[in-house]
Protein backbone atom coordinates (compact mmCIF):
# COMPACT_ATOMS: atom_id res chain seq x y z
CA UNK A 1 0.19 -0.17 -0.12
CA UNK A 2 1.56 3.19 -0.89
CA UNK A 3 -0.67 6.30 0.21
CA UNK A 4 -0.28 9.25 2.38
CA UNK A 5 -1.34 6.77 5.30
CA UNK A 6 1.07 4.19 4.62
CA UNK A 7 3.85 5.86 2.42
CA UNK A 8 6.47 3.33 0.51
CA UNK A 9 8.71 1.81 3.20
CA UNK A 10 11.71 3.18 1.07
CA UNK A 11 10.71 6.67 1.72
CA UNK A 12 9.65 6.62 5.08
CA UNK A 13 12.28 8.11 7.66
CA UNK A 14 13.89 5.97 10.46
CA UNK A 15 11.29 5.31 13.21
CA UNK A 16 11.99 7.77 16.27
CA UNK A 17 11.38 5.27 18.62
CA UNK A 18 11.62 1.50 19.76
CA UNK A 19 7.58 1.14 19.74
CA UNK A 20 7.34 2.76 16.20
CA UNK A 21 10.16 0.67 14.91
CA UNK A 22 8.40 -2.78 16.16
CA UNK A 23 5.23 -1.71 14.48
CA UNK A 24 7.24 -0.53 11.02
CA UNK A 25 8.52 -4.48 11.25
CA UNK A 26 5.10 -6.05 11.94
CA UNK A 27 3.68 -4.19 9.06
CA UNK A 28 6.73 -5.12 7.07
CA UNK A 29 6.65 -8.71 7.92
CA UNK A 30 2.75 -8.82 6.87
CA UNK A 31 3.33 -7.29 3.54
CA UNK A 32 2.82 -9.39 0.51
CA UNK A 33 3.95 -7.31 -2.24
CA UNK A 34 4.22 -9.17 -5.88
CA UNK A 35 7.12 -11.02 -6.49
CA UNK A 36 9.98 -9.29 -8.01
CA UNK A 37 10.98 -10.09 -11.55
CA UNK A 38 13.75 -8.78 -13.27
CA UNK A 39 13.45 -7.03 -16.75
CA UNK A 40 14.43 -8.57 -20.13
CA UNK A 41 17.72 -7.07 -20.25
CA UNK A 42 18.86 -6.18 -16.53
CA UNK A 43 21.51 -3.68 -15.24
CA UNK A 44 24.51 -4.30 -13.07
CA UNK A 45 25.22 -1.90 -10.42
CA UNK A 46 28.02 -1.81 -7.75
CA UNK A 47 28.88 0.65 -5.06
CA UNK A 48 31.68 0.82 -2.47
CA UNK A 49 32.38 2.95 0.77
CA UNK A 50 35.53 3.34 2.80
CA UNK A 51 36.89 5.14 5.78
CA UNK A 52 40.10 6.26 6.93
CA UNK A 53 42.67 3.20 8.22
CA UNK A 54 43.47 2.85 11.85
CA UNK A 55 40.09 3.88 13.57
CA UNK A 56 38.12 1.12 15.31
CA UNK A 57 34.52 0.95 16.79
CA UNK A 58 31.36 2.02 14.98
CA UNK A 59 32.92 5.65 14.26
CA UNK A 60 31.07 9.19 14.80
CA UNK A 61 29.03 11.66 13.44
CA UNK A 62 31.64 14.02 11.24
CA UNK A 63 34.13 11.21 10.55
CA UNK A 64 35.62 11.28 6.92
CA UNK A 65 34.04 8.86 4.40
CA UNK A 66 34.21 8.31 0.74
CA UNK A 67 31.69 6.56 -1.66
CA UNK A 68 31.02 5.72 -4.82
CA UNK A 69 28.41 3.93 -7.19
CA UNK A 70 28.38 2.88 -10.77
CA UNK A 71 25.40 1.62 -13.27
CA UNK A 72 26.50 0.70 -16.69
CA UNK A 73 28.35 3.53 -17.79
CA UNK A 74 27.09 6.21 -15.27
CA UNK A 75 29.30 6.53 -12.40
CA UNK A 76 29.34 8.92 -9.20
CA UNK A 77 31.97 9.58 -6.44
CA UNK A 78 31.04 11.33 -3.32
CA UNK A 79 33.47 12.58 -0.26
CA UNK A 80 32.41 13.95 2.61
CA UNK A 81 31.56 13.73 6.39
CA UNK A 82 29.78 10.86 7.80
């Protein structure tokens, strides 16, 4: 279902609290979307993200990061703070 009361799961913000997260997970578990079928000529894509060497743990806001993605001939590279 994709309407104002039930936006697409991919367009929803991260739940603000544990109760909302549990409700979202239950809704996703109950969903029965149609099976995905690849197109006749599927595209192949890749993505990569990396962080500086030497740090341990999960990191923190503002840590430097690099990311790149490619789809066929299209490529995007981004550098900035995580």
